[in-house]
């Protein structure tokens, strides 16, 4: 049974326990036919090898919170 057609998530791979919960759930949703789209600026626990890049953006960020004034972020899709 498919609950959602599209699932959007942003910047959710900054913490290992959260990533460990989300990865199998996103994969399960995608295997059931949901479009799972994730925006990620290169966080430590992002699963680089298993997703398909859709677009790349340069985003202005607060220097106090990030290591630069502009952060490159990518929008990814979980394969179905």
PDB file of N, CA and C in Angstrom:
ATOM      1  N   UNK A   1       0.834  -1.178   0.000  1.00  0.00           N
ATOM      2  CA  UNK A   1       0.000   0.000   0.000  1.00  0.00           C
ATOM      3  C   UNK A   1       0.882   1.246   0.000  1.00  0.00           C
ATOM      4  N   UNK A   2       0.600   2.170  -0.894  1.00  0.00           N
ATOM      5  CA  UNK A   2       1.349   3.415  -0.974  1.00  0.00           C
ATOM      6  C   UNK A   2       0.562   4.505  -0.255  1.00  0.00           C
ATOM      7  N   UNK A   3       1.200   5.151   0.713  1.00  0.00           N
ATOM      8  CA  UNK A   3       0.538   6.191   1.485  1.00  0.00           C
ATOM      9  C   UNK A   3       0.737   7.553   0.827  1.00  0.00           C
ATOM     10  N   UNK A   4       1.952   7.829   0.358  1.00  0.00           N
ATOM     11  CA  UNK A   4       2.255   9.114  -0.265  1.00  0.00           C
ATOM     12  C   UNK A   4       2.790   8.897  -1.665  1.00  0.00           C
ATOM     13  N   UNK A   5       2.476   9.834  -2.549  1.00  0.00           N
ATOM     14  CA  UNK A   5       3.042   9.813  -3.894  1.00  0.00           C
ATOM     15  C   UNK A   5       4.412  10.478  -3.919  1.00  0.00           C
ATOM     16  N   UNK A   6       4.576  11.529  -3.113  1.00  0.00           N
ATOM     17  CA  UNK A   6       5.835  12.285  -3.071  1.00  0.00           C
ATOM     18  C   UNK A   6       6.205  12.552  -1.614  1.00  0.00           C
ATOM     19  N   UNK A   7       7.483  12.334  -1.293  1.00  0.00           N
ATOM     20  CA  UNK A   7       8.013  12.651   0.032  1.00  0.00           C
ATOM     21  C   UNK A   7       9.200  13.585  -0.180  1.00  0.00           C
ATOM     22  N   UNK A   8       9.170  14.749   0.481  1.00  0.00           N
ATOM     23  CA  UNK A   8      10.250  15.730   0.388  1.00  0.00           C
ATOM     24  C   UNK A   8      10.932  15.848   1.743  1.00  0.00           C
ATOM     25  N   UNK A   9      12.261  15.859   1.737  1.00  0.00           N
ATOM     26  CA  UNK A   9      13.014  16.015   2.978  1.00  0.00           C
ATOM     27  C   UNK A   9      14.205  16.923   2.707  1.00  0.00           C
ATOM     28  N   UNK A  10      14.556  17.730   3.675  1.00  0.00           N
ATOM     29  CA  UNK A  10      15.688  18.632   3.499  1.00  0.00           C
ATOM     30  C   UNK A  10      16.628  18.614   4.684  1.00  0.00           C
ATOM     31  N   UNK A  11      17.917  18.452   4.392  1.00  0.00           N
ATOM     32  CA  UNK A  11      18.982  18.540   5.388  1.00  0.00           C
ATOM     33  C   UNK A  11      18.714  17.639   6.593  1.00  0.00           C
ATOM     34  N   UNK A  12      18.463  16.380   6.334  1.00  0.00           N
ATOM     35  CA  UNK A  12      18.123  15.441   7.402  1.00  0.00           C
ATOM     36  C   UNK A  12      19.238  14.446   7.745  1.00  0.00           C
ATOM     37  N   UNK A  13      20.387  14.542   7.081  1.00  0.00           N
ATOM     38  CA  UNK A  13      21.458  13.566   7.298  1.00  0.00           C
ATOM     39  C   UNK A  13      22.620  14.139   8.116  1.00  0.00           C
ATOM     40  N   UNK A  14      22.325  15.027   9.048  1.00  0.00           N
ATOM     41  CA  UNK A  14      23.344  15.651   9.885  1.00  0.00           C
ATOM     42  C   UNK A  14      23.639  14.840  11.145  1.00  0.00           C
ATOM     43  N   UNK A  15      22.820  13.850  11.444  1.00  0.00           N
ATOM     44  CA  UNK A  15      22.921  13.093  12.688  1.00  0.00           C
ATOM     45  C   UNK A  15      22.804  11.600  12.374  1.00  0.00           C
ATOM     46  N   UNK A  16      23.732  10.784  12.841  1.00  0.00           N
ATOM     47  CA  UNK A  16      23.738   9.359  12.504  1.00  0.00           C
ATOM     48  C   UNK A  16      22.472   8.626  12.960  1.00  0.00           C
ATOM     49  N   UNK A  17      22.010   8.794  14.196  1.00  0.00           N
ATOM     50  CA  UNK A  17      20.786   8.081  14.591  1.00  0.00           C
ATOM     51  C   UNK A  17      19.580   8.436  13.711  1.00  0.00           C
ATOM     52  N   UNK A  18      19.458   9.704  13.341  1.00  0.00           N
ATOM     53  CA  UNK A  18      18.353  10.103  12.465  1.00  0.00           C
ATOM     54  C   UNK A  18      18.524   9.507  11.072  1.00  0.00           C
ATOM     55  N   UNK A  19      19.724   9.579  10.525  1.00  0.00           N
ATOM     56  CA  UNK A  19      19.985   8.997   9.207  1.00  0.00           C
ATOM     57  C   UNK A  19      19.713   7.497   9.208  1.00  0.00           C
ATOM     58  N   UNK A  20      20.107   6.812  10.274  1.00  0.00           N
ATOM     59  CA  UNK A  20      19.880   5.370  10.365  1.00  0.00           C
ATOM     60  C   UNK A  20      18.388   5.018  10.399  1.00  0.00           C
ATOM     61  N   UNK A  21      17.567   5.907  10.902  1.00  0.00           N
ATOM     62  CA  UNK A  21      16.111   5.693  10.892  1.00  0.00           C
ATOM     63  C   UNK A  21      15.498   6.031   9.535  1.00  0.00           C
ATOM     64  N   UNK A  22      15.956   7.127   8.948  1.00  0.00           N
ATOM     65  CA  UNK A  22      15.337   7.609   7.718  1.00  0.00           C
ATOM     66  C   UNK A  22      15.699   6.795   6.475  1.00  0.00           C
ATOM     67  N   UNK A  23      16.951   6.353   6.374  1.00  0.00           N
ATOM     68  CA  UNK A  23      17.383   5.654   5.152  1.00  0.00           C
ATOM     69  C   UNK A  23      16.519   4.437   4.812  1.00  0.00           C
ATOM     70  N   UNK A  24      16.289   3.515   5.737  1.00  0.00           N
ATOM     71  CA  UNK A  24      15.457   2.366   5.374  1.00  0.00           C
ATOM     72  C   UNK A  24      14.003   2.771   5.091  1.00  0.00           C
ATOM     73  N   UNK A  25      13.520   3.781   5.790  1.00  0.00           N
ATOM     74  CA  UNK A  25      12.148   4.234   5.553  1.00  0.00           C
ATOM     75  C   UNK A  25      12.009   4.856   4.166  1.00  0.00           C
ATOM     76  N   UNK A  26      12.960   5.736   3.798  1.00  0.00           N
ATOM     77  CA  UNK A  26      12.926   6.337   2.463  1.00  0.00           C
ATOM     78  C   UNK A  26      13.037   5.255   1.383  1.00  0.00           C
ATOM     79  N   UNK A  27      13.933   4.293   1.585  1.00  0.00           N
ATOM     80  CA  UNK A  27      14.100   3.214   0.602  1.00  0.00           C
ATOM     81  C   UNK A  27      12.819   2.398   0.462  1.00  0.00           C
ATOM     82  N   UNK A  28      12.158   2.125   1.567  1.00  0.00           N
ATOM     83  CA  UNK A  28      10.910   1.371   1.540  1.00  0.00           C
ATOM     84  C   UNK A  28       9.819   2.152   0.802  1.00  0.00           C
ATOM     85  N   UNK A  29       9.708   3.443   1.091  1.00  0.00           N
ATOM     86  CA  UNK A  29       8.727   4.280   0.393  1.00  0.00           C
ATOM     87  C   UNK A  29       8.995   4.291  -1.110  1.00  0.00           C
ATOM     88  N   UNK A  30      10.266   4.445  -1.491  1.00  0.00           N
ATOM     89  CA  UNK A  30      10.624   4.459  -2.910  1.00  0.00           C
ATOM     90  C   UNK A  30      10.317   3.118  -3.568  1.00  0.00           C
ATOM     91  N   UNK A  31      10.584   2.024  -2.861  1.00  0.00           N
ATOM     92  CA  UNK A  31      10.308   0.700  -3.440  1.00  0.00           C
ATOM     93  C   UNK A  31       8.814   0.467  -3.655  1.00  0.00           C
ATOM     94  N   UNK A  32       8.003   1.180  -2.895  1.00  0.00           N
ATOM     95  CA  UNK A  32       6.546   1.090  -3.052  1.00  0.00           C
ATOM     96  C   UNK A  32       6.001   2.059  -4.099  1.00  0.00           C
ATOM     97  N   UNK A  33       6.897   2.825  -4.737  1.00  0.00           N
ATOM     98  CA  UNK A  33       6.476   3.708  -5.816  1.00  0.00           C
ATOM     99  C   UNK A  33       6.415   5.177  -5.475  1.00  0.00           C
ATOM    100  N   UNK A  34       6.722   5.550  -4.244  1.00  0.00           N
ATOM    101  CA  UNK A  34       6.728   6.972  -3.884  1.00  0.00           C
ATOM    102  C   UNK A  34       7.963   7.645  -4.466  1.00  0.00           C
ATOM    103  N   UNK A  35       7.822   8.870  -4.869  1.00  0.00           N
ATOM    104  CA  UNK A  35       8.942   9.698  -5.307  1.00  0.00           C
ATOM    105  C   UNK A  35       9.542  10.318  -4.051  1.00  0.00           C
ATOM    106  N   UNK A  36      10.777   9.944  -3.699  1.00  0.00           N
ATOM    107  CA  UNK A  36      11.424  10.457  -2.493  1.00  0.00           C
ATOM    108  C   UNK A  36      12.539  11.400  -2.925  1.00  0.00           C
ATOM    109  N   UNK A  37      12.363  12.684  -2.600  1.00  0.00           N
ATOM    110  CA  UNK A  37      13.288  13.736  -3.002  1.00  0.00           C
ATOM    111  C   UNK A  37      13.920  14.327  -1.738  1.00  0.00           C
ATOM    112  N   UNK A  38      15.257  14.432  -1.760  1.00  0.00           N
ATOM    113  CA  UNK A  38      15.992  14.913  -0.589  1.00  0.00           C
ATOM    114  C   UNK A  38      16.941  16.033  -1.011  1.00  0.00           C
ATOM    115  N   UNK A  39      16.900  17.143  -0.283  1.00  0.00           N
ATOM    116  CA  UNK A  39      17.891  18.200  -0.463  1.00  0.00           C
ATOM    117  C   UNK A  39      18.957  18.053   0.607  1.00  0.00           C
ATOM    118  N   UNK A  40      20.235  18.084   0.195  1.00  0.00           N
ATOM    119  CA  UNK A  40      21.304  17.889   1.172  1.00  0.00           C
ATOM    120  C   UNK A  40      22.533  18.722   0.795  1.00  0.00           C
ATOM    121  N   UNK A  41      23.085  19.471   1.755  1.00  0.00           N
ATOM    122  CA  UNK A  41      24.271  20.283   1.493  1.00  0.00           C
ATOM    123  C   UNK A  41      25.595  19.555   1.751  1.00  0.00           C
ATOM    124  N   UNK A  42      25.574  18.232   1.752  1.00  0.00           N
ATOM    125  CA  UNK A  42      26.803  17.468   1.956  1.00  0.00           C
ATOM    126  C   UNK A  42      27.052  17.097   3.398  1.00  0.00           C
ATOM    127  N   UNK A  43      26.027  16.760   4.111  1.00  0.00           N
ATOM    128  CA  UNK A  43      26.165  16.378   5.516  1.00  0.00           C
ATOM    129  C   UNK A  43      26.898  15.039   5.644  1.00  0.00           C
ATOM    130  N   UNK A  44      27.413  14.799   6.823  1.00  0.00           N
ATOM    131  CA  UNK A  44      28.277  13.638   7.077  1.00  0.00           C
ATOM    132  C   UNK A  44      27.620  12.296   6.820  1.00  0.00           C
ATOM    133  N   UNK A  45      26.339  12.153   7.096  1.00  0.00           N
ATOM    134  CA  UNK A  45      25.695  10.841   7.025  1.00  0.00           C
ATOM    135  C   UNK A  45      24.804  10.690   5.790  1.00  0.00           C
ATOM    136  N   UNK A  46      25.048  11.528   4.787  1.00  0.00           N
ATOM    137  CA  UNK A  46      24.304  11.420   3.539  1.00  0.00           C
ATOM    138  C   UNK A  46      24.791  10.204   2.753  1.00  0.00           C
ATOM    139  N   UNK A  47      23.878   9.364   2.246  1.00  0.00           N
ATOM    140  CA  UNK A  47      24.270   8.150   1.504  1.00  0.00           C
ATOM    141  C   UNK A  47      24.634   8.467   0.054  1.00  0.00           C
ATOM    142  N   UNK A  48      25.818   8.983  -0.171  1.00  0.00           N
ATOM    143  CA  UNK A  48      26.235   9.491  -1.480  1.00  0.00           C
ATOM    144  C   UNK A  48      26.084   8.503  -2.631  1.00  0.00           C
ATOM    145  N   UNK A  49      26.365   7.246  -2.390  1.00  0.00           N
ATOM    146  CA  UNK A  49      26.408   6.292  -3.485  1.00  0.00           C
ATOM    147  C   UNK A  49      25.074   5.763  -3.972  1.00  0.00           C
ATOM    148  N   UNK A  50      24.009   5.965  -3.230  1.00  0.00           N
ATOM    149  CA  UNK A  50      22.773   5.281  -3.589  1.00  0.00           C
ATOM    150  C   UNK A  50      21.676   6.171  -4.165  1.00  0.00           C
ATOM    151  N   UNK A  51      21.905   7.480  -4.279  1.00  0.00           N
ATOM    152  CA  UNK A  51      20.872   8.371  -4.774  1.00  0.00           C
ATOM    153  C   UNK A  51      21.263   8.992  -6.107  1.00  0.00           C
ATOM    154  N   UNK A  52      20.267   9.487  -6.828  1.00  0.00           N
ATOM    155  CA  UNK A  52      20.491  10.104  -8.137  1.00  0.00           C
ATOM    156  C   UNK A  52      20.397  11.618  -8.004  1.00  0.00           C
ATOM    157  N   UNK A  53      21.445  12.362  -8.429  1.00  0.00           N
ATOM    158  CA  UNK A  53      21.379  13.824  -8.344  1.00  0.00           C
ATOM    159  C   UNK A  53      20.402  14.382  -9.384  1.00  0.00           C
ATOM    160  N   UNK A  54      19.607  15.361  -8.971  1.00  0.00           N
ATOM    161  CA  UNK A  54      18.654  16.009  -9.881  1.00  0.00           C
ATOM    162  C   UNK A  54      19.057  17.438 -10.218  1.00  0.00           C
ATOM    163  N   UNK A  55      19.567  18.182  -9.234  1.00  0.00           N
ATOM    164  CA  UNK A  55      19.938  19.583  -9.441  1.00  0.00           C
ATOM    165  C   UNK A  55      20.915  20.010  -8.355  1.00  0.00           C
ATOM    166  N   UNK A  56      21.733  21.023  -8.687  1.00  0.00           N
ATOM    167  CA  UNK A  56      22.692  21.579  -7.734  1.00  0.00           C
ATOM    168  C   UNK A  56      22.446  23.082  -7.649  1.00  0.00           C
ATOM    169  N   UNK A  57      22.461  23.612  -6.417  1.00  0.00           N
ATOM    170  CA  UNK A  57      22.218  25.028  -6.187  1.00  0.00           C
ATOM    171  C   UNK A  57      23.289  25.598  -5.265  1.00  0.00           C
ATOM    172  N   UNK A  58      23.607  26.873  -5.456  1.00  0.00           N
ATOM    173  CA  UNK A  58      24.450  27.621  -4.520  1.00  0.00           C
ATOM    174  C   UNK A  58      23.513  28.481  -3.687  1.00  0.00           C
ATOM    175  N   UNK A  59      23.548  28.274  -2.378  1.00  0.00           N
ATOM    176  CA  UNK A  59      22.588  28.905  -1.478  1.00  0.00           C
ATOM    177  C   UNK A  59      23.322  29.784  -0.463  1.00  0.00           C
ATOM    178  N   UNK A  60      22.900  31.048  -0.325  1.00  0.00           N
ATOM    179  CA  UNK A  60      23.503  31.868   0.725  1.00  0.00           C
ATOM    180  C   UNK A  60      23.084  31.368   2.110  1.00  0.00           C
ATOM    181  N   UNK A  61      24.046  31.273   3.025  1.00  0.00           N
ATOM    182  CA  UNK A  61      23.772  30.790   4.378  1.00  0.00           C
ATOM    183  C   UNK A  61      24.401  31.729   5.401  1.00  0.00           C
ATOM    184  N   UNK A  62      24.037  31.557   6.641  1.00  0.00           N
ATOM    185  CA  UNK A  62      24.594  32.358   7.723  1.00  0.00           C
ATOM    186  C   UNK A  62      25.981  31.851   8.084  1.00  0.00           C
ATOM    187  N   UNK A  63      26.950  32.697   8.002  1.00  0.00           N
ATOM    188  CA  UNK A  63      28.344  32.314   8.284  1.00  0.00           C
ATOM    189  C   UNK A  63      28.507  31.789   9.717  1.00  0.00           C
ATOM    190  N   UNK A  64      27.699  32.257  10.639  1.00  0.00           N
ATOM    191  CA  UNK A  64      27.776  31.817  12.028  1.00  0.00           C
ATOM    192  C   UNK A  64      27.418  30.326  12.150  1.00  0.00           C
ATOM    193  N   UNK A  65      26.504  29.846  11.309  1.00  0.00           N
ATOM    194  CA  UNK A  65      26.054  28.454  11.384  1.00  0.00           C
ATOM    195  C   UNK A  65      26.806  27.513  10.460  1.00  0.00           C
ATOM    196  N   UNK A  66      27.352  28.024   9.392  1.00  0.00           N
ATOM    197  CA  UNK A  66      28.014  27.182   8.383  1.00  0.00           C
ATOM    198  C   UNK A  66      29.479  27.583   8.255  1.00  0.00           C
ATOM    199  N   UNK A  67      30.218  26.843   7.423  1.00  0.00           N
ATOM    200  CA  UNK A  67      31.638  27.106   7.246  1.00  0.00           C
ATOM    201  C   UNK A  67      31.941  28.021   6.066  1.00  0.00           C
ATOM    202  N   UNK A  68      30.904  28.579   5.431  1.00  0.00           N
ATOM    203  CA  UNK A  68      31.077  29.463   4.280  1.00  0.00           C
ATOM    204  C   UNK A  68      29.838  30.349   4.155  1.00  0.00           C
ATOM    205  N   UNK A  69      29.927  31.370   3.320  1.00  0.00           N
ATOM    206  CA  UNK A  69      28.773  32.247   3.114  1.00  0.00           C
ATOM    207  C   UNK A  69      27.819  31.684   2.059  1.00  0.00           C
ATOM    208  N   UNK A  70      28.368  30.878   1.163  1.00  0.00           N
ATOM    209  CA  UNK A  70      27.572  30.215   0.127  1.00  0.00           C
ATOM    210  C   UNK A  70      27.787  28.716   0.280  1.00  0.00           C
ATOM    211  N   UNK A  71      26.721  27.960   0.307  1.00  0.00           N
ATOM    212  CA  UNK A  71      26.805  26.504   0.462  1.00  0.00           C
ATOM    213  C   UNK A  71      26.229  25.851  -0.791  1.00  0.00           C
ATOM    214  N   UNK A  72      26.955  24.901  -1.332  1.00  0.00           N
ATOM    215  CA  UNK A  72      26.440  24.134  -2.464  1.00  0.00           C
ATOM    216  C   UNK A  72      25.538  23.036  -1.912  1.00  0.00           C
ATOM    217  N   UNK A  73      24.359  22.937  -2.454  1.00  0.00           N
ATOM    218  CA  UNK A  73      23.436  21.892  -2.019  1.00  0.00           C
ATOM    219  C   UNK A  73      22.887  21.182  -3.243  1.00  0.00           C
ATOM    220  N   UNK A  74      22.588  19.926  -3.078  1.00  0.00           N
ATOM    221  CA  UNK A  74      22.103  19.109  -4.187  1.00  0.00           C
ATOM    222  C   UNK A  74      20.737  18.537  -3.836  1.00  0.00           C
ATOM    223  N   UNK A  75      19.895  18.442  -4.845  1.00  0.00           N
ATOM    224  CA  UNK A  75      18.600  17.779  -4.705  1.00  0.00           C
ATOM    225  C   UNK A  75      18.767  16.397  -5.308  1.00  0.00           C
ATOM    226  N   UNK A  76      18.381  15.382  -4.546  1.00  0.00           N
ATOM    227  CA  UNK A  76      18.582  13.973  -4.905  1.00  0.00           C
ATOM    228  C   UNK A  76      17.269  13.213  -4.949  1.00  0.00           C
ATOM    229  N   UNK A  77      17.267  12.116  -5.681  1.00  0.00           N
ATOM    230  CA  UNK A  77      16.104  11.217  -5.736  1.00  0.00           C
ATOM    231  C   UNK A  77      16.538   9.812  -5.336  1.00  0.00           C
ATOM    232  N   UNK A  78      15.728   9.207  -4.475  1.00  0.00           N
ATOM    233  CA  UNK A  78      15.937   7.791  -4.156  1.00  0.00           C
ATOM    234  C   UNK A  78      15.479   6.967  -5.353  1.00  0.00           C
ATOM    235  N   UNK A  79      16.290   6.011  -5.789  1.00  0.00           N
ATOM    236  CA  UNK A  79      15.855   5.164  -6.910  1.00  0.00           C
ATOM    237  C   UNK A  79      14.661   4.298  -6.527  1.00  0.00           C
ATOM    238  N   UNK A  80      13.769   4.070  -7.472  1.00  0.00           N
ATOM    239  CA  UNK A  80      12.586   3.238  -7.218  1.00  0.00           C
ATOM    240  C   UNK A  80      12.833   1.836  -7.696  1.00  0.00           C
TER     241      UNK A  80
END
